[in-house]
Structures are given as C-alpha cells and as structure tokens.
Amino acid sequence: MKLLEERIIKDGVFLGNDILKVDNFLNHQIDVALLDKMGAEWARLYEGEKITKILTIEASGIGIACIAARHFGSCPVLFAKKSKSSNIGDDFYTAKAYSFTHGNVNDIVVSKKYLGKGDRVLIIDDFLANGEALLALTSICNKAGAEIAGVGIAVEKWYQGGGDKIRDMGIRVESLAKIKKMEDGRIEFC
C-alpha cells in the first residue's frame, strides 16, 4: 500500500537493531484516517472470505483491528490478552508469544467463550517480524477449532522471515508494507 509506505518514509524513525518506530501514526498516536484506508484495503483483499471475527493481540493491534472491522460488516474484534486477568475466568486458550519489541515471553490468553468452531478468523496486527505473535495466535485458533481465513499485517519486516513461517503453514498473509531491508537509516520496500 503506497500510502502506508510513504507515511513510513515520512514519519517513521529507524532506531537500529531492526526497530522501526511508527508510534506517531500507527501504534501509540493513531492516524484514524490512515487506519481506515488500511481497513478498506484488507476488506478488498479478503472480499468474499466471510470473516466472522477479527483476532489480534494487545495492545498495538487493537486500534487497527477495530477500525478494520468496520469494513467487514462490523464483525467482532477479539484480542488476546498478554496475561491472565482475574475477570477472564478459568476457561481459556493459551499460548506463549515472544515479543521482539519488548524482549520477553508472554502467556497470551483468549476466553473460550469468544472463539470456537464455526468462526472464520482474520488475524490483524501492526508488525510482523519473527512471526512469534502470529504463531501463538494461530495456535489459539487451532485449539479453538476456528478456521483462519488469513492474516492482515500493517508492516512486515520481510527480511526477518516471520512471514515465510506463516505462509509455509499454508496461511495467507497480506502485508500492506513489506520492508526488504533497513540499514543506515534507510528503508527499502519489497
């Protein structure tokens, strides 16, 4: 998506060590008009897929997923929590997810009440690097018996291989901006 690539070039900040900071428009301060166009693009790409639920992981994926959901007939957005809270109960799916950004492992949880057989899921997230969060979310969908229609990613760091891991599982991945490499403060898109 050319619009997103242009915004990354204009406002993204390369911090080294494979970190691209886009928090001024994508995942801290949010440009709602941009996210709306991204949601429309995922809806175009997944047209006819009969998405019944959008799944993401807290926290950065929530805003993107919510705005995207408008373009899928306002299907529900479900987000995996990064820790079990007292109000989720004891009936949940869990998986371990390593966070590249935070450098830690989270036990993510999704209540069984909200995900199960008959659900056709589109997973949406802001970044795809090593693919660990997506592996955890796909594991949860598999445990629930939910069908994964595909994955929508805002920014894929293609050179880190996470997208290939997911695609090798036979899962469709649609990334709106695919970064081929980042070095010396320069970003090259695929």
Protein backbone atom coordinates (compact mmCIF):
# COMPACT_ATOMS: atom_id res chain seq x y z
CA MET A 1 0.00 0.00 0.00
CA LYS A 2 1.81 3.02 -1.31
CA LEU A 3 0.12 5.40 1.15
CA LEU A 4 1.45 3.46 4.16
CA GLU A 5 4.94 3.15 2.65
CA GLU A 6 5.05 6.90 2.06
CA ARG A 7 3.97 7.56 5.64
CA ILE A 8 6.67 5.22 6.96
CA ILE A 9 9.31 7.08 4.93
CA LYS A 10 7.97 10.47 6.04
CA ASP A 11 7.32 9.83 9.73
CA GLY A 12 8.93 6.50 10.67
CA VAL A 13 12.12 6.55 12.72
CA PHE A 14 14.74 3.83 12.35
CA LEU A 15 16.28 3.15 15.76
CA GLY A 16 18.79 0.49 14.70
CA ASN A 17 18.70 -3.17 15.76
CA ASP A 18 15.78 -3.75 13.37
CA ILE A 19 13.49 -1.37 15.27
CA LEU A 20 11.23 0.90 13.22
CA LYS A 21 9.34 3.40 15.33
CA VAL A 22 5.96 4.35 13.86
CA ASP A 23 4.31 5.33 17.10
CA ASN A 24 3.43 8.82 15.87
CA PHE A 25 0.78 7.43 13.47
CA LEU A 26 0.27 3.68 13.88
CA ASN A 27 0.61 2.28 17.38
CA HIS A 28 0.76 4.96 20.06
CA GLN A 29 -0.70 8.07 18.47
CA ILE A 30 -3.07 6.83 15.78
CA ASP A 31 -3.92 8.38 12.42
CA VAL A 32 -7.50 7.14 12.19
CA ALA A 33 -7.94 8.19 8.55
CA LEU A 34 -4.88 6.15 7.57
CA LEU A 35 -6.10 3.13 9.56
CA ASP A 36 -9.49 3.43 7.88
CA LYS A 37 -7.83 3.20 4.45
CA MET A 38 -5.81 0.21 5.65
CA GLY A 39 -9.01 -1.49 6.85
CA ALA A 40 -10.63 -0.84 3.47
CA GLU A 41 -7.64 -2.42 1.73
CA TRP A 42 -7.79 -5.57 3.87
CA ALA A 43 -11.53 -5.77 3.18
CA ARG A 44 -10.77 -5.57 -0.55
CA LEU A 45 -8.07 -8.23 -0.28
CA TYR A 46 -10.27 -10.58 1.77
CA GLU A 47 -13.53 -9.87 -0.04
CA GLY A 48 -15.75 -12.93 -0.15
CA GLU A 49 -13.89 -14.70 2.67
CA LYS A 50 -16.87 -14.50 5.06
CA ILE A 51 -14.84 -13.25 8.04
CA THR A 52 -16.81 -13.72 11.29
CA LYS A 53 -14.18 -12.49 13.74
CA ILE A 54 -11.03 -10.39 13.73
CA LEU A 55 -8.37 -11.53 16.18
CA THR A 56 -5.39 -9.51 17.37
CA ILE A 57 -3.08 -9.24 20.36
CA GLU A 58 -2.94 -6.42 22.85
CA ALA A 59 -2.13 -3.65 22.73
CA SER A 60 -0.96 -2.22 19.41
CA GLY A 61 -3.19 -4.38 17.24
CA ILE A 62 -6.43 -3.36 18.92
CA GLY A 63 -6.92 0.04 17.27
CA ILE A 64 -6.03 -1.28 13.83
CA ALA A 65 -8.33 -4.28 14.21
CA CYS A 66 -11.26 -2.18 15.45
CA ILE A 67 -11.13 0.21 12.54
CA ALA A 68 -10.62 -2.62 10.06
CA ALA A 69 -13.69 -4.41 11.47
CA ARG A 70 -15.94 -1.63 10.16
CA HIS A 71 -15.09 -2.78 6.65
CA PHE A 72 -16.06 -6.38 7.43
CA GLY A 73 -19.65 -5.67 8.38
CA SER A 74 -18.62 -4.68 11.88
CA CYS A 75 -17.70 -8.25 12.82
CA PRO A 76 -16.45 -8.56 16.41
CA VAL A 77 -12.85 -7.88 17.33
CA LEU A 78 -11.29 -10.27 19.82
CA PHE A 79 -7.90 -9.57 21.34
CA ALA A 80 -5.57 -11.94 23.10
CA LYS A 81 -4.55 -10.64 26.49
CA LYS A 82 -0.87 -10.78 27.39
CA SER A 83 -1.62 -12.12 30.83
CA LYS A 84 -4.47 -13.87 32.58
CA SER A 85 -6.60 -11.40 34.49
CA SER A 86 -8.98 -12.29 37.30
CA ASN A 87 -12.03 -11.47 35.20
CA ILE A 88 -11.30 -13.87 32.31
CA GLY A 89 -12.26 -16.95 34.32
CA ASP A 90 -10.68 -20.38 34.05
CA ASP A 91 -11.93 -21.43 30.62
CA PHE A 92 -9.46 -20.04 28.11
CA TYR A 93 -6.98 -20.92 25.38
CA THR A 94 -3.37 -20.03 25.96
CA ALA A 95 -0.11 -19.91 24.02
CA LYS A 96 3.33 -18.46 24.57
CA ALA A 97 4.34 -15.47 22.45
CA TYR A 98 7.82 -13.95 22.38
CA SER A 99 7.72 -10.18 21.92
CA PHE A 100 10.51 -8.95 19.65
CA THR A 101 9.85 -5.34 20.72
CA HIS A 102 9.81 -6.00 24.47
CA GLY A 103 12.26 -8.90 24.55
CA ASN A 104 10.08 -11.11 26.74
CA VAL A 105 7.70 -14.05 26.58
CA ASN A 106 4.00 -13.56 27.31
CA ASP A 107 1.41 -16.20 28.07
CA ILE A 108 -1.39 -14.88 25.88
CA VAL A 109 -4.96 -15.88 26.66
CA VAL A 110 -8.32 -15.84 24.85
CA SER A 111 -11.55 -16.81 26.55
CA LYS A 112 -13.16 -19.94 25.10
CA LYS A 113 -16.44 -18.05 25.31
CA TYR A 114 -15.48 -15.89 22.31
CA LEU A 115 -13.65 -18.24 19.92
CA GLY A 116 -14.64 -21.64 18.63
CA LYS A 117 -15.75 -23.89 15.79
CA GLY A 118 -17.63 -22.02 13.11
CA ASP A 119 -15.51 -18.89 13.49
CA ARG A 120 -13.72 -17.75 10.34
CA VAL A 121 -10.90 -15.57 11.62
CA LEU A 122 -8.83 -12.79 10.14
CA ILE A 123 -5.79 -12.10 12.32
CA ILE A 124 -4.67 -8.46 12.23
CA ASP A 125 -1.53 -6.95 13.75
CA ASP A 126 0.69 -3.92 13.37
CA PHE A 127 4.05 -5.65 12.80
CA LEU A 128 5.31 -8.99 11.58
CA ALA A 129 8.99 -9.64 12.30
CA ASN A 130 9.91 -13.13 13.50
CA GLY A 131 6.31 -14.32 13.50
CA GLU A 132 6.12 -15.35 17.15
CA ALA A 133 2.90 -13.46 17.97
CA LEU A 134 1.23 -14.89 14.87
CA LEU A 135 2.36 -18.41 15.73
CA ALA A 136 0.74 -18.01 19.15
CA LEU A 137 -2.49 -16.63 17.67
CA THR A 138 -2.68 -19.41 15.08
CA SER A 139 -2.10 -21.95 17.86
CA ILE A 140 -5.04 -20.50 19.79
CA CYS A 141 -7.26 -20.61 16.67
CA ASN A 142 -6.28 -24.23 16.10
CA LYS A 143 -7.05 -25.16 19.72
CA ALA A 144 -10.45 -23.49 19.37
CA GLY A 145 -11.22 -25.26 16.10
CA ALA A 146 -11.61 -21.87 14.40
CA GLU A 147 -10.70 -21.53 10.73
CA ILE A 148 -8.02 -18.99 9.85
CA ALA A 149 -9.06 -17.12 6.70
CA GLY A 150 -5.82 -15.16 6.67
CA VAL A 151 -3.61 -12.56 8.26
CA GLY A 152 -3.51 -8.79 7.73
CA ILE A 153 -0.30 -7.04 8.71
CA ALA A 154 0.40 -3.32 8.57
CA VAL A 155 4.21 -3.57 8.38
CA GLU A 156 6.10 -6.77 7.62
CA LYS A 157 9.85 -6.84 8.13
CA TRP A 158 10.19 -9.38 5.33
CA TYR A 159 13.92 -9.97 5.88
CA GLN A 160 13.28 -11.39 9.37
CA GLY A 161 11.43 -14.41 7.98
CA GLY A 162 8.31 -14.44 10.14
CA GLY A 163 6.03 -14.07 7.15
CA ASP A 164 7.61 -17.07 5.46
CA LYS A 165 6.98 -19.19 8.59
CA ILE A 166 3.29 -18.35 8.48
CA ARG A 167 2.97 -18.71 4.71
CA ASP A 168 4.75 -22.09 4.90
CA MET A 169 1.89 -23.21 7.18
CA GLY A 170 -0.48 -22.56 4.26
CA ILE A 171 -1.87 -19.37 5.77
CA ARG A 172 -2.47 -16.37 3.53
CA VAL A 173 -0.64 -13.23 4.71
CA GLU A 174 -1.44 -9.80 3.28
CA SER A 175 1.03 -7.15 4.43
CA LEU A 176 0.33 -3.56 3.44
CA ALA A 177 4.00 -2.53 3.65
CA LYS A 178 6.78 -5.10 3.23
CA ILE A 179 10.24 -3.92 4.23
CA LYS A 180 13.01 -5.65 2.30
CA LYS A 181 15.78 -4.16 4.44
CA MET A 182 16.58 -1.38 6.89
CA GLU A 183 20.12 -0.10 7.24
CA ASP A 184 21.93 3.17 7.74
CA GLY A 185 18.63 4.93 8.40
CA ARG A 186 17.24 3.86 5.01
CA ILE A 187 14.23 1.69 4.39
CA GLU A 188 13.82 -0.37 1.22
CA PHE A 189 10.42 -1.88 0.44
CA CYS A 190 9.79 -5.12 -1.50
